[in-house]
N, C-alpha and C. Protein backbone atom coordinates (compact mmCIF):
# COMPACT_ATOMS: atom_id res chain seq x y z
N MET A 1 4.16 -70.95 -184.34
CA MET A 1 4.85 -71.22 -183.11
C MET A 1 4.02 -72.25 -182.33
N ILE A 2 4.72 -73.22 -181.77
CA ILE A 2 4.06 -74.26 -180.98
C ILE A 2 4.75 -74.39 -179.62
N ILE A 3 4.03 -74.97 -178.69
CA ILE A 3 4.59 -75.23 -177.37
C ILE A 3 5.30 -76.57 -177.41
N VAL A 4 6.58 -76.57 -177.01
CA VAL A 4 7.38 -77.79 -177.06
C VAL A 4 7.86 -78.24 -175.68
N GLY A 5 7.56 -77.46 -174.66
CA GLY A 5 7.91 -77.85 -173.30
C GLY A 5 6.93 -77.25 -172.33
N ALA A 6 6.53 -77.99 -171.31
CA ALA A 6 5.58 -77.51 -170.30
C ALA A 6 6.07 -77.94 -168.93
N TYR A 7 6.28 -76.95 -168.06
CA TYR A 7 6.96 -77.23 -166.79
C TYR A 7 6.33 -76.54 -165.59
N ALA A 8 5.02 -76.26 -165.63
CA ALA A 8 4.39 -75.54 -164.53
C ALA A 8 3.00 -76.11 -164.24
N PRO A 9 2.48 -75.84 -163.05
CA PRO A 9 1.12 -76.29 -162.72
C PRO A 9 0.12 -75.76 -163.75
N GLY A 10 -0.85 -76.59 -164.09
CA GLY A 10 -1.88 -76.21 -165.04
C GLY A 10 -1.66 -76.79 -166.42
N PHE A 11 -0.42 -77.11 -166.74
CA PHE A 11 -0.13 -77.72 -168.03
C PHE A 11 -0.29 -79.23 -167.93
N ASN A 12 -0.63 -79.84 -169.05
CA ASN A 12 -0.65 -81.29 -169.14
C ASN A 12 -0.13 -81.68 -170.53
N GLU A 13 -0.09 -82.94 -170.80
CA GLU A 13 0.49 -83.44 -172.05
C GLU A 13 -0.18 -82.87 -173.29
N SER A 14 -1.45 -82.51 -173.19
CA SER A 14 -2.16 -81.98 -174.36
C SER A 14 -1.61 -80.65 -174.85
N TRP A 15 -0.85 -79.96 -174.02
CA TRP A 15 -0.24 -78.69 -174.43
C TRP A 15 0.93 -78.89 -175.39
N LEU A 16 1.55 -80.03 -175.37
CA LEU A 16 2.72 -80.27 -176.22
C LEU A 16 2.30 -80.32 -177.69
N GLY A 17 2.90 -79.47 -178.49
CA GLY A 17 2.57 -79.38 -179.91
C GLY A 17 1.45 -78.40 -180.21
N ARG A 18 0.89 -77.79 -179.19
CA ARG A 18 -0.22 -76.85 -179.38
C ARG A 18 0.26 -75.55 -180.00
N ARG A 19 -0.45 -75.10 -181.02
CA ARG A 19 -0.12 -73.84 -181.69
C ARG A 19 -0.51 -72.65 -180.81
N ILE A 20 0.30 -71.61 -180.86
CA ILE A 20 -0.04 -70.38 -180.17
C ILE A 20 -1.00 -69.61 -181.07
N ASP A 21 -2.24 -69.54 -180.66
CA ASP A 21 -3.28 -68.83 -181.40
C ASP A 21 -4.15 -68.11 -180.37
N PRO A 22 -5.17 -67.38 -180.80
CA PRO A 22 -5.99 -66.64 -179.82
C PRO A 22 -6.59 -67.53 -178.73
N ARG A 23 -6.99 -68.74 -179.07
CA ARG A 23 -7.56 -69.65 -178.07
C ARG A 23 -6.50 -70.05 -177.03
N THR A 24 -5.28 -70.30 -177.50
CA THR A 24 -4.19 -70.64 -176.59
C THR A 24 -3.87 -69.46 -175.68
N VAL A 25 -3.87 -68.26 -176.24
CA VAL A 25 -3.61 -67.06 -175.42
C VAL A 25 -4.68 -66.93 -174.34
N ASP A 26 -5.93 -67.17 -174.68
CA ASP A 26 -7.00 -67.13 -173.68
C ASP A 26 -6.74 -68.14 -172.57
N SER A 27 -6.31 -69.34 -172.94
CA SER A 27 -6.00 -70.37 -171.93
C SER A 27 -4.83 -69.95 -171.06
N LEU A 28 -3.82 -69.33 -171.65
CA LEU A 28 -2.67 -68.85 -170.88
C LEU A 28 -3.08 -67.72 -169.93
N LEU A 29 -3.98 -66.84 -170.37
CA LEU A 29 -4.49 -65.78 -169.50
C LEU A 29 -5.20 -66.39 -168.29
N ASP A 30 -5.99 -67.42 -168.53
CA ASP A 30 -6.68 -68.11 -167.44
C ASP A 30 -5.68 -68.74 -166.47
N MET A 31 -4.65 -69.38 -167.03
CA MET A 31 -3.64 -70.03 -166.18
C MET A 31 -2.83 -68.99 -165.40
N ASN A 32 -2.66 -67.81 -165.98
CA ASN A 32 -1.99 -66.73 -165.27
C ASN A 32 -2.80 -66.34 -164.03
N LYS A 33 -4.10 -66.24 -164.19
CA LYS A 33 -4.96 -65.88 -163.06
C LYS A 33 -5.02 -66.99 -162.01
N ARG A 34 -5.08 -68.23 -162.48
CA ARG A 34 -5.24 -69.36 -161.56
C ARG A 34 -3.93 -69.79 -160.89
N PHE A 35 -2.83 -69.79 -161.66
CA PHE A 35 -1.57 -70.34 -161.15
C PHE A 35 -0.43 -69.34 -161.08
N GLY A 36 -0.64 -68.14 -161.65
CA GLY A 36 0.40 -67.11 -161.63
C GLY A 36 1.52 -67.32 -162.63
N ILE A 37 1.28 -68.13 -163.67
CA ILE A 37 2.36 -68.35 -164.64
C ILE A 37 2.59 -67.09 -165.46
N SER A 38 3.80 -66.92 -165.93
CA SER A 38 4.13 -65.81 -166.83
C SER A 38 3.47 -66.07 -168.18
N LEU A 39 2.79 -65.08 -168.72
CA LEU A 39 2.12 -65.25 -170.01
C LEU A 39 3.10 -65.56 -171.13
N VAL A 40 4.30 -65.06 -171.02
CA VAL A 40 5.30 -65.27 -172.07
C VAL A 40 6.28 -66.39 -171.73
N GLY A 41 6.04 -67.09 -170.63
CA GLY A 41 6.88 -68.22 -170.27
C GLY A 41 8.25 -67.85 -169.74
N GLU A 42 8.43 -66.59 -169.36
CA GLU A 42 9.75 -66.14 -168.93
C GLU A 42 10.22 -66.76 -167.62
N GLY A 43 9.33 -67.38 -166.88
CA GLY A 43 9.72 -68.05 -165.65
C GLY A 43 10.07 -69.51 -165.88
N GLY A 44 10.14 -69.91 -167.16
CA GLY A 44 10.45 -71.30 -167.49
C GLY A 44 9.22 -72.19 -167.48
N GLU A 45 8.02 -71.59 -167.45
CA GLU A 45 6.80 -72.38 -167.40
C GLU A 45 6.59 -73.20 -168.67
N TYR A 46 6.98 -72.63 -169.81
CA TYR A 46 6.85 -73.35 -171.07
C TYR A 46 7.88 -72.85 -172.06
N GLU A 47 8.14 -73.67 -173.07
CA GLU A 47 9.09 -73.35 -174.14
C GLU A 47 8.36 -73.46 -175.47
N THR A 48 8.83 -72.70 -176.46
CA THR A 48 8.18 -72.70 -177.77
C THR A 48 9.19 -72.96 -178.89
N LEU A 49 8.66 -73.29 -180.05
CA LEU A 49 9.45 -73.48 -181.25
C LEU A 49 8.75 -72.72 -182.37
N VAL A 50 9.48 -71.82 -183.03
CA VAL A 50 8.93 -71.06 -184.15
C VAL A 50 9.12 -71.89 -185.42
N LEU A 51 8.02 -72.17 -186.11
CA LEU A 51 8.05 -72.97 -187.33
C LEU A 51 8.06 -72.12 -188.59
N ASP A 52 7.58 -70.89 -188.48
CA ASP A 52 7.53 -70.00 -189.64
C ASP A 52 7.44 -68.56 -189.15
N ALA A 53 7.97 -67.67 -189.95
CA ALA A 53 7.92 -66.23 -189.67
C ALA A 53 8.12 -65.50 -190.99
N PRO A 54 7.67 -64.26 -191.09
CA PRO A 54 7.81 -63.52 -192.35
C PRO A 54 9.26 -63.41 -192.84
N TYR A 55 10.20 -63.38 -191.94
CA TYR A 55 11.60 -63.23 -192.34
C TYR A 55 12.30 -64.56 -192.60
N PHE A 56 11.62 -65.69 -192.42
CA PHE A 56 12.18 -67.00 -192.76
C PHE A 56 12.08 -67.21 -194.27
N LYS A 57 13.13 -67.68 -194.88
CA LYS A 57 13.08 -68.01 -196.31
C LYS A 57 12.29 -69.29 -196.54
N ARG A 58 12.37 -70.21 -195.60
CA ARG A 58 11.61 -71.46 -195.65
C ARG A 58 10.99 -71.69 -194.28
N ARG A 59 10.00 -72.57 -194.22
CA ARG A 59 9.37 -72.88 -192.94
C ARG A 59 9.80 -74.27 -192.48
N VAL A 60 9.65 -74.52 -191.20
CA VAL A 60 9.98 -75.82 -190.63
C VAL A 60 8.72 -76.69 -190.64
N GLN A 61 8.86 -77.87 -191.19
CA GLN A 61 7.76 -78.84 -191.18
C GLN A 61 8.18 -80.01 -190.29
N LEU A 62 7.39 -80.27 -189.28
CA LEU A 62 7.68 -81.39 -188.38
C LEU A 62 7.12 -82.67 -189.00
N LEU A 63 7.96 -83.66 -189.14
CA LEU A 63 7.54 -84.93 -189.74
C LEU A 63 7.26 -86.00 -188.70
N ARG A 64 8.10 -86.07 -187.69
CA ARG A 64 7.90 -87.06 -186.62
C ARG A 64 8.23 -86.42 -185.28
N VAL A 65 7.30 -86.51 -184.36
CA VAL A 65 7.52 -85.99 -183.01
C VAL A 65 7.05 -87.03 -182.00
N GLU A 66 7.55 -86.89 -180.80
CA GLU A 66 7.14 -87.77 -179.70
C GLU A 66 6.91 -86.92 -178.47
N LYS A 67 5.78 -87.11 -177.82
CA LYS A 67 5.51 -86.43 -176.57
C LYS A 67 6.15 -87.22 -175.44
N VAL A 68 6.97 -86.54 -174.65
CA VAL A 68 7.61 -87.16 -173.49
C VAL A 68 7.05 -86.47 -172.25
N TRP A 69 6.29 -87.21 -171.45
CA TRP A 69 5.64 -86.64 -170.27
C TRP A 69 5.95 -87.51 -169.06
N GLU A 70 6.40 -86.87 -167.99
CA GLU A 70 6.70 -87.60 -166.76
C GLU A 70 6.23 -86.78 -165.58
N ASP A 71 5.41 -87.36 -164.75
CA ASP A 71 4.83 -86.68 -163.58
C ASP A 71 4.03 -85.46 -164.02
N ASP A 72 4.56 -84.25 -163.83
CA ASP A 72 3.79 -83.05 -164.16
C ASP A 72 4.50 -82.11 -165.12
N SER A 73 5.39 -82.65 -165.96
CA SER A 73 6.07 -81.83 -166.96
C SER A 73 6.52 -82.70 -168.13
N GLY A 74 6.83 -82.05 -169.23
CA GLY A 74 7.27 -82.81 -170.39
C GLY A 74 7.69 -81.93 -171.54
N TYR A 75 8.06 -82.60 -172.63
CA TYR A 75 8.53 -81.87 -173.80
C TYR A 75 8.15 -82.64 -175.06
N LEU A 76 8.17 -81.92 -176.17
CA LEU A 76 7.92 -82.51 -177.48
C LEU A 76 9.28 -82.78 -178.12
N LEU A 77 9.59 -84.04 -178.32
CA LEU A 77 10.85 -84.44 -178.93
C LEU A 77 10.67 -84.47 -180.44
N VAL A 78 11.40 -83.60 -181.13
CA VAL A 78 11.33 -83.58 -182.59
C VAL A 78 12.31 -84.62 -183.12
N LYS A 79 11.76 -85.66 -183.73
CA LYS A 79 12.58 -86.76 -184.24
C LYS A 79 12.96 -86.55 -185.70
N GLU A 80 12.11 -85.85 -186.44
CA GLU A 80 12.42 -85.59 -187.84
C GLU A 80 11.69 -84.32 -188.27
N ALA A 81 12.42 -83.47 -188.97
CA ALA A 81 11.86 -82.22 -189.49
C ALA A 81 12.56 -81.89 -190.80
N ARG A 82 11.94 -81.00 -191.56
CA ARG A 82 12.59 -80.55 -192.79
C ARG A 82 12.19 -79.11 -193.06
N LEU A 83 13.01 -78.45 -193.87
CA LEU A 83 12.69 -77.11 -194.32
C LEU A 83 11.96 -77.21 -195.64
N VAL A 84 10.87 -76.47 -195.76
CA VAL A 84 10.08 -76.50 -197.00
C VAL A 84 9.87 -75.08 -197.48
N GLY A 85 9.67 -74.97 -198.80
CA GLY A 85 9.43 -73.67 -199.40
C GLY A 85 8.10 -73.08 -198.96
N LYS A 86 7.99 -71.79 -199.17
CA LYS A 86 6.76 -71.08 -198.81
C LYS A 86 5.96 -70.79 -200.06
N SER A 87 4.68 -70.64 -199.87
CA SER A 87 3.79 -70.27 -200.96
C SER A 87 4.14 -68.86 -201.42
N THR A 88 4.04 -68.60 -202.69
CA THR A 88 4.34 -67.27 -203.23
C THR A 88 3.05 -66.50 -203.57
N LYS A 89 1.94 -66.90 -202.95
CA LYS A 89 0.66 -66.21 -203.17
C LYS A 89 0.78 -64.76 -202.72
N THR A 90 0.15 -63.88 -203.50
CA THR A 90 0.16 -62.47 -203.12
C THR A 90 -1.23 -61.95 -202.91
């Protein structure tokens, strides 16, 4: 899962395309304390895109994206993507 839209104080263009991982969660916790944003983005502070999940038969691979940032908000414009198979490692 990646962040594809950022619409609240504390976010900047570097957040666009950022994967949700433990480091990102720590940053969101900090922003919650500093700016009061919802950790899960339920107030519209940010939007996400799921690229893979256990129940997906294939994953989404982003081929071309463009960051669109204006003033203090922006989004990741997906220009080209494809579905790819998953590894069958056990």
